[in-house]
N, C-alpha and C. Protein backbone atom coordinates (compact mmCIF):
# COMPACT_ATOMS: atom_id res chain seq x y z
N MET A 1 -28.49 38.81 16.04
CA MET A 1 -27.42 38.79 15.44
C MET A 1 -27.30 39.40 14.10
N THR A 2 -26.83 39.92 13.37
CA THR A 2 -27.03 40.28 11.77
C THR A 2 -26.20 39.43 11.18
N TRP A 3 -26.63 39.19 9.90
CA TRP A 3 -25.99 38.18 8.94
C TRP A 3 -24.41 38.45 8.82
N LEU A 4 -23.96 39.39 9.01
CA LEU A 4 -22.59 39.41 8.94
C LEU A 4 -21.83 38.97 10.13
N ILE A 5 -22.47 39.11 11.21
CA ILE A 5 -21.73 38.44 12.19
C ILE A 5 -21.59 36.87 12.45
N ARG A 6 -23.06 36.59 11.80
CA ARG A 6 -23.35 34.77 11.61
C ARG A 6 -22.04 34.36 10.96
N LEU A 7 -21.96 35.07 9.68
CA LEU A 7 -21.29 34.91 8.73
C LEU A 7 -19.52 34.70 9.18
N LEU A 8 -19.32 35.73 9.90
CA LEU A 8 -18.02 35.60 10.65
C LEU A 8 -17.55 34.59 11.42
N MET A 9 -18.51 34.09 12.66
CA MET A 9 -18.43 33.15 13.18
C MET A 9 -18.18 31.90 12.60
N HIS A 10 -19.04 31.69 11.64
CA HIS A 10 -18.80 30.55 10.88
C HIS A 10 -17.76 30.19 10.14
N VAL A 11 -16.73 31.62 9.71
CA VAL A 11 -15.84 31.43 8.89
C VAL A 11 -14.62 31.12 9.83
N MET A 12 -14.76 31.83 11.03
CA MET A 12 -13.95 31.55 12.09
C MET A 12 -13.79 30.14 12.77
N LEU A 13 -14.85 29.40 12.80
CA LEU A 13 -14.99 28.11 13.31
C LEU A 13 -14.31 27.23 12.28
N LEU A 14 -14.47 27.59 11.24
CA LEU A 14 -13.98 26.28 10.17
C LEU A 14 -12.66 25.70 10.51
N PRO A 15 -11.57 26.53 10.67
CA PRO A 15 -10.28 26.04 10.63
C PRO A 15 -10.24 25.44 12.02
N VAL A 16 -11.10 25.43 12.83
CA VAL A 16 -11.07 24.60 14.14
C VAL A 16 -11.96 23.57 14.01
N VAL A 17 -12.92 23.15 12.97
CA VAL A 17 -13.51 22.39 12.85
C VAL A 17 -12.57 21.11 11.64
N VAL A 18 -11.75 22.01 10.99
CA VAL A 18 -10.75 20.91 10.52
C VAL A 18 -9.82 20.54 10.89
N LEU A 19 -9.23 21.27 11.97
CA LEU A 19 -8.37 20.80 12.95
C LEU A 19 -8.67 19.71 13.63
N MET A 20 -9.81 19.87 14.51
CA MET A 20 -10.33 18.78 15.30
C MET A 20 -10.89 17.58 14.46
N THR A 21 -10.94 17.66 13.36
CA THR A 21 -11.65 16.41 12.58
C THR A 21 -10.07 15.61 11.93
N GLY A 22 -9.05 16.37 12.02
CA GLY A 22 -7.84 15.60 11.56
C GLY A 22 -7.90 15.46 10.03
N CYS A 23 -8.47 16.29 9.38
CA CYS A 23 -8.57 16.36 7.64
C CYS A 23 -7.41 17.11 7.34
N ASP A 24 -6.31 16.39 6.77
CA ASP A 24 -5.43 17.20 6.13
C ASP A 24 -5.34 17.04 4.52
N GLY A 25 -6.24 15.76 4.12
CA GLY A 25 -6.54 15.56 2.85
C GLY A 25 -5.22 15.00 1.68
N THR A 26 -4.42 14.45 3.01
CA THR A 26 -3.27 13.66 2.34
C THR A 26 -3.21 12.14 2.77
N LEU A 27 -3.00 11.44 1.96
CA LEU A 27 -2.78 10.09 2.71
C LEU A 27 -1.66 9.34 1.54
N PRO A 28 -0.84 9.15 2.24
CA PRO A 28 0.58 8.39 1.54
C PRO A 28 -0.24 7.20 0.72
N LEU A 29 0.17 7.35 -0.92
CA LEU A 29 0.22 6.03 -1.55
C LEU A 29 1.08 5.29 -1.39
N LEU A 30 0.54 3.99 -1.50
CA LEU A 30 1.64 2.84 -1.39
C LEU A 30 2.10 2.32 -2.79
N ASP A 31 3.33 2.01 -3.02
CA ASP A 31 3.90 1.33 -4.14
C ASP A 31 4.43 -0.28 -3.52
N ALA A 32 4.83 -0.96 -4.49
CA ALA A 32 5.19 -2.48 -4.30
C ALA A 32 6.53 -2.16 -3.23
N SER A 33 7.17 -1.22 -3.31
CA SER A 33 8.46 -1.05 -2.52
C SER A 33 8.00 -1.20 -1.30
N SER A 34 6.87 -0.15 -0.88
CA SER A 34 6.49 0.16 0.32
C SER A 34 5.41 -0.42 1.08
N ALA A 35 5.33 -1.64 0.56
CA ALA A 35 4.21 -2.90 0.86
C ALA A 35 3.92 -3.06 2.25
N THR A 36 5.41 -3.21 2.75
CA THR A 36 5.80 -3.84 4.16
C THR A 36 5.75 -2.85 4.91
N LYS A 37 5.26 -1.49 4.58
CA LYS A 37 4.84 -0.05 5.39
C LYS A 37 3.36 -0.10 5.53
N ALA A 38 2.78 -0.87 5.02
CA ALA A 38 1.25 -0.93 4.88
C ALA A 38 0.76 -0.49 6.12
N PRO A 39 -0.32 -0.05 6.59
CA PRO A 39 -1.05 0.20 8.05
C PRO A 39 -1.52 -1.34 8.29
N PRO A 40 -1.51 -1.83 9.78
CA PRO A 40 -1.96 -3.03 10.10
C PRO A 40 -3.14 -3.40 9.72
N THR A 41 -4.04 -2.35 9.76
CA THR A 41 -5.41 -2.53 9.54
C THR A 41 -5.69 -3.35 8.09
N VAL A 42 -4.91 -2.51 6.71
CA VAL A 42 -4.87 -3.11 5.89
C VAL A 42 -4.60 -4.28 5.57
N LYS A 43 -3.49 -4.96 6.06
CA LYS A 43 -2.98 -6.13 6.32
C LYS A 43 -4.02 -7.10 6.88
N ARG A 44 -4.68 -6.80 8.04
CA ARG A 44 -5.55 -7.56 8.54
C ARG A 44 -7.10 -7.79 7.66
N ILE A 45 -7.31 -6.80 6.69
CA ILE A 45 -8.45 -6.95 6.17
C ILE A 45 -8.24 -7.79 4.72
N VAL A 46 -7.02 -7.62 4.04
CA VAL A 46 -6.67 -8.01 2.97
C VAL A 46 -5.87 -9.66 3.24
N GLY A 47 -5.39 -9.67 4.14
CA GLY A 47 -4.12 -10.64 4.15
C GLY A 47 -3.16 -10.50 3.70
N SER A 48 -2.39 -11.73 3.66
CA SER A 48 -0.81 -11.34 3.07
C SER A 48 -0.74 -12.61 2.19
N ASP A 49 -1.61 -13.45 1.79
CA ASP A 49 -1.66 -14.64 0.92
C ASP A 49 -1.77 -14.32 -0.62
N LEU A 50 -2.31 -13.16 -0.94
CA LEU A 50 -2.63 -12.84 -2.05
C LEU A 50 -1.47 -12.88 -3.27
N PRO A 51 -0.52 -12.22 -2.62
CA PRO A 51 0.75 -11.92 -3.55
C PRO A 51 1.26 -13.19 -4.09
N GLY A 52 1.21 -13.56 -5.52
CA GLY A 52 1.78 -14.73 -6.08
C GLY A 52 0.76 -15.45 -6.36
N ALA A 53 -0.88 -15.84 -5.84
CA ALA A 53 -1.54 -16.40 -6.10
C ALA A 53 -2.13 -16.20 -7.66
N MET A 54 -2.13 -17.27 -8.28
CA MET A 54 -2.65 -17.04 -9.81
C MET A 54 -3.89 -17.77 -9.93
N GLY A 55 -4.40 -18.55 -9.08
CA GLY A 55 -5.93 -18.86 -9.42
C GLY A 55 -5.77 -20.05 -10.33
N LYS A 56 -4.55 -21.04 -10.14
CA LYS A 56 -4.41 -22.25 -10.84
C LYS A 56 -4.75 -23.33 -10.24
N THR A 57 -4.80 -23.37 -8.58
CA THR A 57 -4.97 -24.55 -7.95
C THR A 57 -6.14 -23.98 -6.58
N ILE A 58 -6.83 -25.10 -6.36
CA ILE A 58 -7.94 -24.51 -5.48
C ILE A 58 -7.26 -23.88 -4.25
N ALA A 59 -5.93 -23.91 -3.78
CA ALA A 59 -5.30 -23.44 -2.89
C ALA A 59 -5.14 -21.83 -3.06
N ASP A 60 -4.94 -21.66 -4.50
CA ASP A 60 -4.57 -20.37 -5.09
C ASP A 60 -6.11 -19.42 -4.79
N GLN A 61 -6.99 -20.21 -4.91
CA GLN A 61 -8.34 -19.83 -5.41
C GLN A 61 -8.81 -19.18 -4.01
N ASP A 62 -8.25 -20.08 -3.08
CA ASP A 62 -8.95 -19.92 -1.82
C ASP A 62 -8.30 -18.46 -1.21
N LYS A 63 -7.29 -18.44 -1.61
CA LYS A 63 -6.56 -17.06 -1.22
C LYS A 63 -6.91 -16.13 -1.69
N ILE A 64 -7.37 -16.04 -3.27
CA ILE A 64 -7.84 -14.66 -3.85
C ILE A 64 -9.29 -14.50 -2.95
N ASP A 65 -9.72 -15.86 -3.05
CA ASP A 65 -11.38 -15.48 -2.36
C ASP A 65 -10.98 -14.78 -0.77
N SER A 66 -10.15 -15.35 -0.19
CA SER A 66 -9.81 -14.40 1.07
C SER A 66 -9.68 -13.18 1.09
N ALA A 67 -8.97 -12.70 0.18
CA ALA A 67 -8.34 -11.30 0.04
C ALA A 67 -9.60 -10.50 -0.62
N ILE A 68 -10.83 -11.16 -1.33
CA ILE A 68 -11.95 -10.32 -1.74
C ILE A 68 -12.98 -10.58 -0.57
N ALA A 69 -12.97 -11.46 0.23
CA ALA A 69 -13.79 -11.52 1.12
C ALA A 69 -13.78 -10.29 2.29
N GLY A 70 -12.59 -9.98 2.20
CA GLY A 70 -12.07 -9.21 3.27
C GLY A 70 -12.25 -7.76 2.86
N LEU A 71 -12.09 -7.56 1.50
CA LEU A 71 -12.30 -6.26 1.13
C LEU A 71 -13.95 -5.64 0.74
N CYS A 72 -14.65 -6.97 0.53
CA CYS A 72 -16.04 -7.15 0.65
C CYS A 72 -16.84 -6.61 2.14
N SER A 73 -15.89 -7.31 3.38
CA SER A 73 -16.60 -7.26 4.54
C SER A 73 -16.70 -5.61 5.14
N VAL A 74 -15.39 -4.80 4.50
CA VAL A 74 -15.48 -3.70 4.94
C VAL A 74 -15.95 -2.45 3.81
N GLN A 75 -16.65 -3.35 2.79
CA GLN A 75 -17.36 -2.60 1.82
C GLN A 75 -16.65 -1.47 1.00
N VAL A 76 -15.26 -2.06 0.73
CA VAL A 76 -14.52 -1.36 -0.52
C VAL A 76 -15.39 -1.64 -2.02
N TYR A 77 -15.88 -2.96 -1.88
CA TYR A 77 -16.52 -3.45 -3.13
C TYR A 77 -18.10 -3.43 -2.87
N ASP A 78 -19.06 -2.83 -3.90
CA ASP A 78 -20.21 -3.12 -3.37
C ASP A 78 -20.81 -4.49 -3.29
N LYS A 79 -22.09 -4.64 -3.11
CA LYS A 79 -22.53 -6.17 -3.07
C LYS A 79 -22.58 -6.79 -4.17
N LYS A 80 -23.03 -5.78 -5.30
CA LYS A 80 -23.12 -6.42 -6.62
C LYS A 80 -21.86 -6.98 -7.18
N THR A 81 -20.67 -6.35 -7.07
CA THR A 81 -19.13 -6.77 -7.23
C THR A 81 -18.85 -7.83 -6.46
N CYS A 82 -19.34 -8.09 -5.15
CA CYS A 82 -19.13 -9.13 -4.45
C CYS A 82 -19.54 -10.11 -4.76
N ALA A 83 -20.88 -10.36 -5.21
CA ALA A 83 -21.47 -11.44 -5.65
C ALA A 83 -21.04 -11.98 -6.85
N GLU A 84 -20.53 -11.02 -8.09
CA GLU A 84 -20.01 -11.14 -9.49
C GLU A 84 -18.61 -11.96 -8.98
N HIS A 85 -18.01 -11.53 -7.95
CA HIS A 85 -17.05 -12.52 -7.85
C HIS A 85 -16.89 -13.97 -7.33
N GLY A 86 -18.20 -13.71 -6.74
CA GLY A 86 -18.63 -15.27 -6.06
C GLY A 86 -19.01 -15.99 -7.00
N LEU A 87 -19.89 -15.78 -8.34
CA LEU A 87 -19.91 -16.48 -9.11
C LEU A 87 -18.99 -16.69 -9.99
N ALA A 88 -17.74 -15.91 -10.27
CA ALA A 88 -16.84 -16.07 -10.85
C ALA A 88 -15.72 -17.02 -10.47
N SER A 89 -15.70 -17.25 -9.00
CA SER A 89 -14.82 -17.88 -8.44
C SER A 89 -15.70 -19.54 -8.11
N GLU A 90 -17.12 -19.72 -8.03
CA GLU A 90 -17.44 -21.09 -8.38
C GLU A 90 -17.23 -21.60 -9.69
N SER A 91 -17.33 -20.59 -10.91
CA SER A 91 -16.89 -21.05 -12.20
C SER A 91 -15.38 -21.63 -12.48
N ARG A 92 -14.63 -20.82 -11.80
CA ARG A 92 -12.98 -21.01 -12.13
C ARG A 92 -12.72 -22.54 -10.90
N ARG A 93 -13.40 -22.40 -9.80
CA ARG A 93 -13.33 -23.63 -9.00
C ARG A 93 -13.64 -25.15 -9.97
N SER A 94 -14.78 -24.81 -10.82
CA SER A 94 -15.25 -26.02 -11.48
C SER A 94 -14.51 -26.25 -12.53
N GLU A 95 -13.50 -25.41 -12.96
CA GLU A 95 -12.66 -25.56 -14.16
C GLU A 95 -11.27 -26.44 -13.80
N ILE A 96 -10.82 -26.11 -12.30
CA ILE A 96 -9.68 -26.58 -11.90
C ILE A 96 -9.87 -28.15 -11.90
């Protein structure tokens, strides 16, 4: 095959690959008013205890730690950030 034919084959296959991967490049942004419409997987990862938690009690700190643990488990935060939160949480618990 000549280089032109190979190039045309790649160009023709590109839309098929994009359609098969389901990549449309758009994700809906969630605001506070649409929080109840969040995908169930997000709610399972983060939980629903975080809203209203201020870290003023051990129970509040537990809620915050639970939400962060979920985000760390799916690697939203890197290991360094998760470790920093762990240290900050221990410090906060000793203050309460």
